[in-house]
mmCIF file of all heavy atoms, coordinates in Angstrom:
data_MODEL
# 
_entry.id   MODEL 
# 
loop_
_atom_site.group_PDB 
_atom_site.id 
_atom_site.type_symbol 
_atom_site.label_atom_id 
_atom_site.label_alt_id 
_atom_site.label_comp_id 
_atom_site.label_asym_id 
_atom_site.label_entity_id 
_atom_site.label_seq_id 
_atom_site.pdbx_PDB_ins_code 
_atom_site.Cartn_x 
_atom_site.Cartn_y 
_atom_site.Cartn_z 
_atom_site.occupancy 
_atom_site.B_iso_or_equiv 
_atom_site.pdbx_formal_charge 
_atom_site.auth_seq_id 
_atom_site.auth_comp_id 
_atom_site.auth_asym_id 
_atom_site.auth_atom_id 
_atom_site.pdbx_PDB_model_num 
ATOM 1   N N   . ILE A 1 1  ? 127.133 148.596 -60.173 1.00 0.00 ? 1  ILE A N   1 
ATOM 2   C CA  . ILE A 1 1  ? 127.992 147.461 -60.535 1.00 0.00 ? 1  ILE A CA  1 
ATOM 3   C C   . ILE A 1 1  ? 127.581 146.224 -59.735 1.00 0.00 ? 1  ILE A C   1 
ATOM 4   O O   . ILE A 1 1  ? 127.499 145.112 -60.282 1.00 0.00 ? 1  ILE A O   1 
ATOM 5   C CB  . ILE A 1 1  ? 129.476 147.801 -60.291 1.00 0.00 ? 1  ILE A CB  1 
ATOM 6   C CG1 . ILE A 1 1  ? 129.934 148.885 -61.268 1.00 0.00 ? 1  ILE A CG1 1 
ATOM 7   C CG2 . ILE A 1 1  ? 130.352 146.561 -60.434 1.00 0.00 ? 1  ILE A CG2 1 
ATOM 8   C CD1 . ILE A 1 1  ? 131.303 149.458 -60.972 1.00 0.00 ? 1  ILE A CD1 1 
ATOM 9   N N   . SER A 1 2  ? 127.289 146.414 -58.457 1.00 0.00 ? 2  SER A N   1 
ATOM 10  C CA  . SER A 1 2  ? 126.859 145.301 -57.609 1.00 0.00 ? 2  SER A CA  1 
ATOM 11  C C   . SER A 1 2  ? 125.498 144.764 -58.039 1.00 0.00 ? 2  SER A C   1 
ATOM 12  O O   . SER A 1 2  ? 125.251 143.554 -57.998 1.00 0.00 ? 2  SER A O   1 
ATOM 13  C CB  . SER A 1 2  ? 126.803 145.733 -56.143 1.00 0.00 ? 2  SER A CB  1 
ATOM 14  O OG  . SER A 1 2  ? 128.089 146.093 -55.683 1.00 0.00 ? 2  SER A OG  1 
ATOM 15  N N   . ALA A 1 3  ? 124.599 145.672 -58.466 1.00 0.00 ? 3  ALA A N   1 
ATOM 16  C CA  . ALA A 1 3  ? 123.282 145.237 -58.943 1.00 0.00 ? 3  ALA A CA  1 
ATOM 17  C C   . ALA A 1 3  ? 123.443 144.356 -60.179 1.00 0.00 ? 3  ALA A C   1 
ATOM 18  O O   . ALA A 1 3  ? 122.760 143.333 -60.321 1.00 0.00 ? 3  ALA A O   1 
ATOM 19  C CB  . ALA A 1 3  ? 122.415 146.454 -59.259 1.00 0.00 ? 3  ALA A CB  1 
ATOM 20  N N   . TYR A 1 4  ? 124.342 144.743 -61.061 1.00 0.00 ? 4  TYR A N   1 
ATOM 21  C CA  . TYR A 1 4  ? 124.597 143.956 -62.275 1.00 0.00 ? 4  TYR A CA  1 
ATOM 22  C C   . TYR A 1 4  ? 125.222 142.612 -61.908 1.00 0.00 ? 4  TYR A C   1 
ATOM 23  O O   . TYR A 1 4  ? 124.835 141.558 -62.446 1.00 0.00 ? 4  TYR A O   1 
ATOM 24  C CB  . TYR A 1 4  ? 125.514 144.745 -63.200 1.00 0.00 ? 4  TYR A CB  1 
ATOM 25  C CG  . TYR A 1 4  ? 125.404 144.357 -64.651 1.00 0.00 ? 4  TYR A CG  1 
ATOM 26  C CD1 . TYR A 1 4  ? 124.459 144.974 -65.472 1.00 0.00 ? 4  TYR A CD1 1 
ATOM 27  C CD2 . TYR A 1 4  ? 126.241 143.405 -65.204 1.00 0.00 ? 4  TYR A CD2 1 
ATOM 28  C CE1 . TYR A 1 4  ? 124.362 144.643 -66.819 1.00 0.00 ? 4  TYR A CE1 1 
ATOM 29  C CE2 . TYR A 1 4  ? 126.147 143.060 -66.552 1.00 0.00 ? 4  TYR A CE2 1 
ATOM 30  C CZ  . TYR A 1 4  ? 125.211 143.678 -67.349 1.00 0.00 ? 4  TYR A CZ  1 
ATOM 31  O OH  . TYR A 1 4  ? 125.109 143.332 -68.674 1.00 0.00 ? 4  TYR A OH  1 
ATOM 32  N N   . LEU A 1 5  ? 126.174 142.647 -60.990 1.00 0.00 ? 5  LEU A N   1 
ATOM 33  C CA  . LEU A 1 5  ? 126.823 141.419 -60.530 1.00 0.00 ? 5  LEU A CA  1 
ATOM 34  C C   . LEU A 1 5  ? 125.804 140.479 -59.894 1.00 0.00 ? 5  LEU A C   1 
ATOM 35  O O   . LEU A 1 5  ? 125.799 139.269 -60.161 1.00 0.00 ? 5  LEU A O   1 
ATOM 36  C CB  . LEU A 1 5  ? 127.930 141.775 -59.535 1.00 0.00 ? 5  LEU A CB  1 
ATOM 37  C CG  . LEU A 1 5  ? 128.816 140.646 -59.002 1.00 0.00 ? 5  LEU A CG  1 
ATOM 38  C CD1 . LEU A 1 5  ? 130.180 141.213 -58.613 1.00 0.00 ? 5  LEU A CD1 1 
ATOM 39  C CD2 . LEU A 1 5  ? 128.212 139.954 -57.778 1.00 0.00 ? 5  LEU A CD2 1 
ATOM 40  N N   . PHE A 1 6  ? 124.916 141.037 -59.077 1.00 0.00 ? 6  PHE A N   1 
ATOM 41  C CA  . PHE A 1 6  ? 123.916 140.222 -58.396 1.00 0.00 ? 6  PHE A CA  1 
ATOM 42  C C   . PHE A 1 6  ? 122.929 139.613 -59.393 1.00 0.00 ? 6  PHE A C   1 
ATOM 43  O O   . PHE A 1 6  ? 122.470 138.478 -59.217 1.00 0.00 ? 6  PHE A O   1 
ATOM 44  C CB  . PHE A 1 6  ? 123.170 141.064 -57.362 1.00 0.00 ? 6  PHE A CB  1 
ATOM 45  C CG  . PHE A 1 6  ? 122.253 140.269 -56.480 1.00 0.00 ? 6  PHE A CG  1 
ATOM 46  C CD1 . PHE A 1 6  ? 122.747 139.244 -55.681 1.00 0.00 ? 6  PHE A CD1 1 
ATOM 47  C CD2 . PHE A 1 6  ? 120.890 140.540 -56.445 1.00 0.00 ? 6  PHE A CD2 1 
ATOM 48  C CE1 . PHE A 1 6  ? 121.904 138.501 -54.865 1.00 0.00 ? 6  PHE A CE1 1 
ATOM 49  C CE2 . PHE A 1 6  ? 120.040 139.810 -55.630 1.00 0.00 ? 6  PHE A CE2 1 
ATOM 50  C CZ  . PHE A 1 6  ? 120.547 138.784 -54.835 1.00 0.00 ? 6  PHE A CZ  1 
ATOM 51  N N   . GLY A 1 7  ? 122.634 140.344 -60.461 1.00 0.00 ? 7  GLY A N   1 
ATOM 52  C CA  . GLY A 1 7  ? 121.753 139.805 -61.491 1.00 0.00 ? 7  GLY A CA  1 
ATOM 53  C C   . GLY A 1 7  ? 122.344 138.567 -62.138 1.00 0.00 ? 7  GLY A C   1 
ATOM 54  O O   . GLY A 1 7  ? 121.642 137.565 -62.354 1.00 0.00 ? 7  GLY A O   1 
ATOM 55  N N   . ALA A 1 8  ? 123.628 138.605 -62.439 1.00 0.00 ? 8  ALA A N   1 
ATOM 56  C CA  . ALA A 1 8  ? 124.299 137.441 -63.010 1.00 0.00 ? 8  ALA A CA  1 
ATOM 57  C C   . ALA A 1 8  ? 124.326 136.292 -62.006 1.00 0.00 ? 8  ALA A C   1 
ATOM 58  O O   . ALA A 1 8  ? 124.103 135.126 -62.361 1.00 0.00 ? 8  ALA A O   1 
ATOM 59  C CB  . ALA A 1 8  ? 125.721 137.809 -63.430 1.00 0.00 ? 8  ALA A CB  1 
ATOM 60  N N   . PHE A 1 9  ? 124.575 136.625 -60.748 1.00 0.00 ? 9  PHE A N   1 
ATOM 61  C CA  . PHE A 1 9  ? 124.620 135.625 -59.676 1.00 0.00 ? 9  PHE A CA  1 
ATOM 62  C C   . PHE A 1 9  ? 123.284 134.890 -59.548 1.00 0.00 ? 9  PHE A C   1 
ATOM 63  O O   . PHE A 1 9  ? 123.226 133.654 -59.537 1.00 0.00 ? 9  PHE A O   1 
ATOM 64  C CB  . PHE A 1 9  ? 124.968 136.340 -58.363 1.00 0.00 ? 9  PHE A CB  1 
ATOM 65  C CG  . PHE A 1 9  ? 124.990 135.448 -57.153 1.00 0.00 ? 9  PHE A CG  1 
ATOM 66  C CD1 . PHE A 1 9  ? 126.093 134.678 -56.860 1.00 0.00 ? 9  PHE A CD1 1 
ATOM 67  C CD2 . PHE A 1 9  ? 123.899 135.403 -56.290 1.00 0.00 ? 9  PHE A CD2 1 
ATOM 68  C CE1 . PHE A 1 9  ? 126.126 133.862 -55.738 1.00 0.00 ? 9  PHE A CE1 1 
ATOM 69  C CE2 . PHE A 1 9  ? 123.918 134.595 -55.167 1.00 0.00 ? 9  PHE A CE2 1 
ATOM 70  C CZ  . PHE A 1 9  ? 125.035 133.817 -54.892 1.00 0.00 ? 9  PHE A CZ  1 
ATOM 71  N N   . VAL A 1 10 ? 122.207 135.647 -59.498 1.00 0.00 ? 10 VAL A N   1 
ATOM 72  C CA  . VAL A 1 10 ? 120.869 135.070 -59.341 1.00 0.00 ? 10 VAL A CA  1 
ATOM 73  C C   . VAL A 1 10 ? 120.493 134.222 -60.552 1.00 0.00 ? 10 VAL A C   1 
ATOM 74  O O   . VAL A 1 10 ? 119.982 133.099 -60.418 1.00 0.00 ? 10 VAL A O   1 
ATOM 75  C CB  . VAL A 1 10 ? 119.829 136.191 -59.129 1.00 0.00 ? 10 VAL A CB  1 
ATOM 76  C CG1 . VAL A 1 10 ? 118.408 135.636 -59.236 1.00 0.00 ? 10 VAL A CG1 1 
ATOM 77  C CG2 . VAL A 1 10 ? 120.037 136.840 -57.768 1.00 0.00 ? 10 VAL A CG2 1 
ATOM 78  N N   . SER A 1 11 ? 120.747 134.753 -61.754 1.00 0.00 ? 11 SER A N   1 
ATOM 79  C CA  . SER A 1 11 ? 120.348 134.043 -62.967 1.00 0.00 ? 11 SER A CA  1 
ATOM 80  C C   . SER A 1 11 ? 121.159 132.788 -63.214 1.00 0.00 ? 11 SER A C   1 
ATOM 81  O O   . SER A 1 11 ? 120.770 131.922 -64.000 1.00 0.00 ? 11 SER A O   1 
ATOM 82  C CB  . SER A 1 11 ? 120.457 134.967 -64.187 1.00 0.00 ? 11 SER A CB  1 
ATOM 83  O OG  . SER A 1 11 ? 121.792 135.398 -64.382 1.00 0.00 ? 11 SER A OG  1 
ATOM 84  N N   . GLU A 1 12 ? 122.287 132.665 -62.544 1.00 0.00 ? 12 GLU A N   1 
ATOM 85  C CA  . GLU A 1 12 ? 123.102 131.450 -62.657 1.00 0.00 ? 12 GLU A CA  1 
ATOM 86  C C   . GLU A 1 12 ? 122.629 130.368 -61.695 1.00 0.00 ? 12 GLU A C   1 
ATOM 87  O O   . GLU A 1 12 ? 122.729 129.173 -61.986 1.00 0.00 ? 12 GLU A O   1 
ATOM 88  C CB  . GLU A 1 12 ? 124.577 131.789 -62.391 1.00 0.00 ? 12 GLU A CB  1 
ATOM 89  C CG  . GLU A 1 12 ? 125.555 130.713 -62.792 1.00 0.00 ? 12 GLU A CG  1 
ATOM 90  C CD  . GLU A 1 12 ? 125.637 130.491 -64.295 1.00 0.00 ? 12 GLU A CD  1 
ATOM 91  O OE1 . GLU A 1 12 ? 125.323 131.411 -65.071 1.00 0.00 ? 12 GLU A OE1 1 
ATOM 92  O OE2 . GLU A 1 12 ? 126.030 129.370 -64.694 1.00 0.00 ? 12 GLU A OE2 1 
ATOM 93  N N   . LEU A 1 13 ? 122.064 130.780 -60.566 1.00 0.00 ? 13 LEU A N   1 
ATOM 94  C CA  . LEU A 1 13 ? 121.650 129.821 -59.541 1.00 0.00 ? 13 LEU A CA  1 
ATOM 95  C C   . LEU A 1 13 ? 120.226 129.296 -59.707 1.00 0.00 ? 13 LEU A C   1 
ATOM 96  O O   . LEU A 1 13 ? 119.934 128.172 -59.307 1.00 0.00 ? 13 LEU A O   1 
ATOM 97  C CB  . LEU A 1 13 ? 121.771 130.454 -58.151 1.00 0.00 ? 13 LEU A CB  1 
ATOM 98  C CG  . LEU A 1 13 ? 123.176 130.703 -57.599 1.00 0.00 ? 13 LEU A CG  1 
ATOM 99  C CD1 . LEU A 1 13 ? 123.077 131.309 -56.202 1.00 0.00 ? 13 LEU A CD1 1 
ATOM 100 C CD2 . LEU A 1 13 ? 123.967 129.395 -57.546 1.00 0.00 ? 13 LEU A CD2 1 
ATOM 101 N N   . LEU A 1 14 ? 119.338 130.101 -60.285 1.00 0.00 ? 14 LEU A N   1 
ATOM 102 C CA  . LEU A 1 14 ? 117.919 129.775 -60.258 1.00 0.00 ? 14 LEU A CA  1 
ATOM 103 C C   . LEU A 1 14 ? 117.390 128.809 -61.318 1.00 0.00 ? 14 LEU A C   1 
ATOM 104 O O   . LEU A 1 14 ? 116.349 128.188 -61.081 1.00 0.00 ? 14 LEU A O   1 
ATOM 105 C CB  . LEU A 1 14 ? 117.094 131.063 -60.327 1.00 0.00 ? 14 LEU A CB  1 
ATOM 106 C CG  . LEU A 1 14 ? 117.106 131.938 -59.069 1.00 0.00 ? 14 LEU A CG  1 
ATOM 107 C CD1 . LEU A 1 14 ? 116.140 133.097 -59.241 1.00 0.00 ? 14 LEU A CD1 1 
ATOM 108 C CD2 . LEU A 1 14 ? 116.735 131.127 -57.828 1.00 0.00 ? 14 LEU A CD2 1 
ATOM 109 N N   . PRO A 1 15 ? 117.990 128.671 -62.491 1.00 0.00 ? 15 PRO A N   1 
ATOM 110 C CA  . PRO A 1 15 ? 117.363 127.860 -63.541 1.00 0.00 ? 15 PRO A CA  1 
ATOM 111 C C   . PRO A 1 15 ? 116.909 126.466 -63.120 1.00 0.00 ? 15 PRO A C   1 
ATOM 112 O O   . PRO A 1 15 ? 115.761 126.086 -63.369 1.00 0.00 ? 15 PRO A O   1 
ATOM 113 C CB  . PRO A 1 15 ? 118.449 127.794 -64.621 1.00 0.00 ? 15 PRO A CB  1 
ATOM 114 C CG  . PRO A 1 15 ? 119.153 129.098 -64.483 1.00 0.00 ? 15 PRO A CG  1 
ATOM 115 C CD  . PRO A 1 15 ? 119.193 129.353 -62.998 1.00 0.00 ? 15 PRO A CD  1 
ATOM 116 N N   . ASN A 1 16 ? 117.766 125.681 -62.488 1.00 0.00 ? 16 ASN A N   1 
ATOM 117 C CA  . ASN A 1 16 ? 117.369 124.328 -62.082 1.00 0.00 ? 16 ASN A CA  1 
ATOM 118 C C   . ASN A 1 16 ? 116.282 124.359 -61.028 1.00 0.00 ? 16 ASN A C   1 
ATOM 119 O O   . ASN A 1 16 ? 115.324 123.565 -61.072 1.00 0.00 ? 16 ASN A O   1 
ATOM 120 C CB  . ASN A 1 16 ? 118.583 123.550 -61.555 1.00 0.00 ? 16 ASN A CB  1 
ATOM 121 C CG  . ASN A 1 16 ? 119.515 123.117 -62.666 1.00 0.00 ? 16 ASN A CG  1 
ATOM 122 O OD1 . ASN A 1 16 ? 119.088 122.923 -63.805 1.00 0.00 ? 16 ASN A OD1 1 
ATOM 123 N ND2 . ASN A 1 16 ? 120.788 122.975 -62.356 1.00 0.00 ? 16 ASN A ND2 1 
ATOM 124 N N   . LEU A 1 17 ? 116.396 125.264 -60.076 1.00 0.00 ? 17 LEU A N   1 
ATOM 125 C CA  . LEU A 1 17 ? 115.398 125.388 -59.014 1.00 0.00 ? 17 LEU A CA  1 
ATOM 126 C C   . LEU A 1 17 ? 114.027 125.722 -59.598 1.00 0.00 ? 17 LEU A C   1 
ATOM 127 O O   . LEU A 1 17 ? 113.007 125.154 -59.191 1.00 0.00 ? 17 LEU A O   1 
ATOM 128 C CB  . LEU A 1 17 ? 115.831 126.477 -58.028 1.00 0.00 ? 17 LEU A CB  1 
ATOM 129 C CG  . LEU A 1 17 ? 114.921 126.724 -56.824 1.00 0.00 ? 17 LEU A CG  1 
ATOM 130 C CD1 . LEU A 1 17 ? 114.908 125.501 -55.915 1.00 0.00 ? 17 LEU A CD1 1 
ATOM 131 C CD2 . LEU A 1 17 ? 115.372 127.953 -56.053 1.00 0.00 ? 17 LEU A CD2 1 
ATOM 132 N N   . VAL A 1 18 ? 113.996 126.604 -60.561 1.00 0.00 ? 18 VAL A N   1 
ATOM 133 C CA  . VAL A 1 18 ? 112.729 127.041 -61.159 1.00 0.00 ? 18 VAL A CA  1 
ATOM 134 C C   . VAL A 1 18 ? 112.068 125.906 -61.939 1.00 0.00 ? 18 VAL A C   1 
ATOM 135 O O   . VAL A 1 18 ? 110.894 125.594 -61.736 1.00 0.00 ? 18 VAL A O   1 
ATOM 136 C CB  . VAL A 1 18 ? 112.950 128.261 -62.079 1.00 0.00 ? 18 VAL A CB  1 
ATOM 137 C CG1 . VAL A 1 18 ? 111.698 128.554 -62.898 1.00 0.00 ? 18 VAL A CG1 1 
ATOM 138 C CG2 . VAL A 1 18 ? 113.336 129.475 -61.245 1.00 0.00 ? 18 VAL A CG2 1 
ATOM 139 N N   . LYS A 1 19 ? 112.800 125.268 -62.821 1.00 0.00 ? 19 LYS A N   1 
ATOM 140 C CA  . LYS A 1 19 ? 112.176 124.256 -63.676 1.00 0.00 ? 19 LYS A CA  1 
ATOM 141 C C   . LYS A 1 19 ? 111.768 123.005 -62.909 1.00 0.00 ? 19 LYS A C   1 
ATOM 142 O O   . LYS A 1 19 ? 110.836 122.309 -63.311 1.00 0.00 ? 19 LYS A O   1 
ATOM 143 C CB  . LYS A 1 19 ? 113.095 123.894 -64.842 1.00 0.00 ? 19 LYS A CB  1 
ATOM 144 C CG  . LYS A 1 19 ? 114.351 123.130 -64.484 1.00 0.00 ? 19 LYS A CG  1 
ATOM 145 C CD  . LYS A 1 19 ? 115.188 122.895 -65.745 1.00 0.00 ? 19 LYS A CD  1 
ATOM 146 C CE  . LYS A 1 19 ? 116.484 122.154 -65.442 1.00 0.00 ? 19 LYS A CE  1 
ATOM 147 N NZ  . LYS A 1 19 ? 117.302 122.004 -66.659 1.00 0.00 ? 19 LYS A NZ  1 
ATOM 148 N N   . HIS A 1 20 ? 112.426 122.740 -61.775 1.00 0.00 ? 20 HIS A N   1 
ATOM 149 C CA  . HIS A 1 20 ? 112.064 121.566 -60.987 1.00 0.00 ? 20 HIS A CA  1 
ATOM 150 C C   . HIS A 1 20 ? 110.916 121.836 -60.021 1.00 0.00 ? 20 HIS A C   1 
ATOM 151 O O   . HIS A 1 20 ? 110.285 120.898 -59.530 1.00 0.00 ? 20 HIS A O   1 
ATOM 152 C CB  . HIS A 1 20 ? 113.280 121.058 -60.207 1.00 0.00 ? 20 HIS A CB  1 
ATOM 153 C CG  . HIS A 1 20 ? 114.345 120.476 -61.085 1.00 0.00 ? 20 HIS A CG  1 
ATOM 154 N ND1 . HIS A 1 20 ? 115.693 120.523 -60.771 1.00 0.00 ? 20 HIS A ND1 1 
ATOM 155 C CD2 . HIS A 1 20 ? 114.268 119.868 -62.295 1.00 0.00 ? 20 HIS A CD2 1 
ATOM 156 C CE1 . HIS A 1 20 ? 116.393 119.954 -61.732 1.00 0.00 ? 20 HIS A CE1 1 
ATOM 157 N NE2 . HIS A 1 20 ? 115.552 119.544 -62.663 1.00 0.00 ? 20 HIS A NE2 1 
ATOM 158 N N   . ASN A 1 21 ? 110.631 123.093 -59.748 1.00 0.00 ? 21 ASN A N   1 
ATOM 159 C CA  . ASN A 1 21 ? 109.577 123.418 -58.786 1.00 0.00 ? 21 ASN A CA  1 
ATOM 160 C C   . ASN A 1 21 ? 108.367 124.133 -59.399 1.00 0.00 ? 21 ASN A C   1 
ATOM 161 O O   . ASN A 1 21 ? 107.280 124.088 -58.828 1.00 0.00 ? 21 ASN A O   1 
ATOM 162 C CB  . ASN A 1 21 ? 110.150 124.295 -57.664 1.00 0.00 ? 21 ASN A CB  1 
ATOM 163 C CG  . ASN A 1 21 ? 111.075 123.528 -56.746 1.00 0.00 ? 21 ASN A CG  1 
ATOM 164 O OD1 . ASN A 1 21 ? 110.638 122.849 -55.824 1.00 0.00 ? 21 ASN A OD1 1 
ATOM 165 N ND2 . ASN A 1 21 ? 112.381 123.608 -56.997 1.00 0.00 ? 21 ASN A ND2 1 
ATOM 166 N N   . PHE A 1 22 ? 108.569 124.782 -60.542 1.00 0.00 ? 22 PHE A N   1 
ATOM 167 C CA  . PHE A 1 22 ? 107.465 125.536 -61.144 1.00 0.00 ? 22 PHE A CA  1 
ATOM 168 C C   . PHE A 1 22 ? 107.055 125.002 -62.515 1.00 0.00 ? 22 PHE A C   1 
ATOM 169 O O   . PHE A 1 22 ? 106.136 125.514 -63.136 1.00 0.00 ? 22 PHE A O   1 
ATOM 170 C CB  . PHE A 1 22 ? 107.853 127.015 -61.261 1.00 0.00 ? 22 PHE A CB  1 
ATOM 171 C CG  . PHE A 1 22 ? 108.102 127.668 -59.934 1.00 0.00 ? 22 PHE A CG  1 
ATOM 172 C CD1 . PHE A 1 22 ? 109.397 127.797 -59.440 1.00 0.00 ? 22 PHE A CD1 1 
ATOM 173 C CD2 . PHE A 1 22 ? 107.060 128.138 -59.170 1.00 0.00 ? 22 PHE A CD2 1 
ATOM 174 C CE1 . PHE A 1 22 ? 109.641 128.405 -58.209 1.00 0.00 ? 22 PHE A CE1 1 
ATOM 175 C CE2 . PHE A 1 22 ? 107.282 128.750 -57.942 1.00 0.00 ? 22 PHE A CE2 1 
ATOM 176 C CZ  . PHE A 1 22 ? 108.572 128.871 -57.460 1.00 0.00 ? 22 PHE A CZ  1 
ATOM 177 N N   . LEU A 1 23 ? 107.770 123.992 -63.008 1.00 0.00 ? 23 LEU A N   1 
ATOM 178 C CA  . LEU A 1 23 ? 107.443 123.336 -64.273 1.00 0.00 ? 23 LEU A CA  1 
ATOM 179 C C   . LEU A 1 23 ? 107.521 124.269 -65.484 1.00 0.00 ? 23 LEU A C   1 
ATOM 180 O O   . LEU A 1 23 ? 106.908 124.010 -66.517 1.00 0.00 ? 23 LEU A O   1 
ATOM 181 C CB  . LEU A 1 23 ? 106.049 122.689 -64.198 1.00 0.00 ? 23 LEU A CB  1 
ATOM 182 C CG  . LEU A 1 23 ? 105.852 121.688 -63.044 1.00 0.00 ? 23 LEU A CG  1 
ATOM 183 C CD1 . LEU A 1 23 ? 104.433 121.139 -63.068 1.00 0.00 ? 23 LEU A CD1 1 
ATOM 184 C CD2 . LEU A 1 23 ? 106.876 120.568 -63.128 1.00 0.00 ? 23 LEU A CD2 1 
ATOM 185 N N   . ILE A 1 24 ? 108.244 125.358 -65.331 1.00 0.00 ? 24 ILE A N   1 
ATOM 186 C CA  . ILE A 1 24 ? 108.551 126.230 -66.458 1.00 0.00 ? 24 ILE A CA  1 
ATOM 187 C C   . ILE A 1 24 ? 110.048 126.540 -66.409 1.00 0.00 ? 24 ILE A C   1 
ATOM 188 O O   . ILE A 1 24 ? 110.700 126.334 -65.384 1.00 0.00 ? 24 ILE A O   1 
ATOM 189 C CB  . ILE A 1 24 ? 107.745 127.550 -66.431 1.00 0.00 ? 24 ILE A CB  1 
ATOM 190 C CG1 . ILE A 1 24 ? 108.085 128.368 -65.177 1.00 0.00 ? 24 ILE A CG1 1 
ATOM 191 C CG2 . ILE A 1 24 ? 106.255 127.276 -66.540 1.00 0.00 ? 24 ILE A CG2 1 
ATOM 192 C CD1 . ILE A 1 24 ? 107.455 129.757 -65.166 1.00 0.00 ? 24 ILE A CD1 1 
# 
């Protein structure tokens, strides 16, 4: 359950960071 929760947590935080630093 925590692994699933953490997956949602990570995928909510990373989108802006990824597209601004990796250009994808």
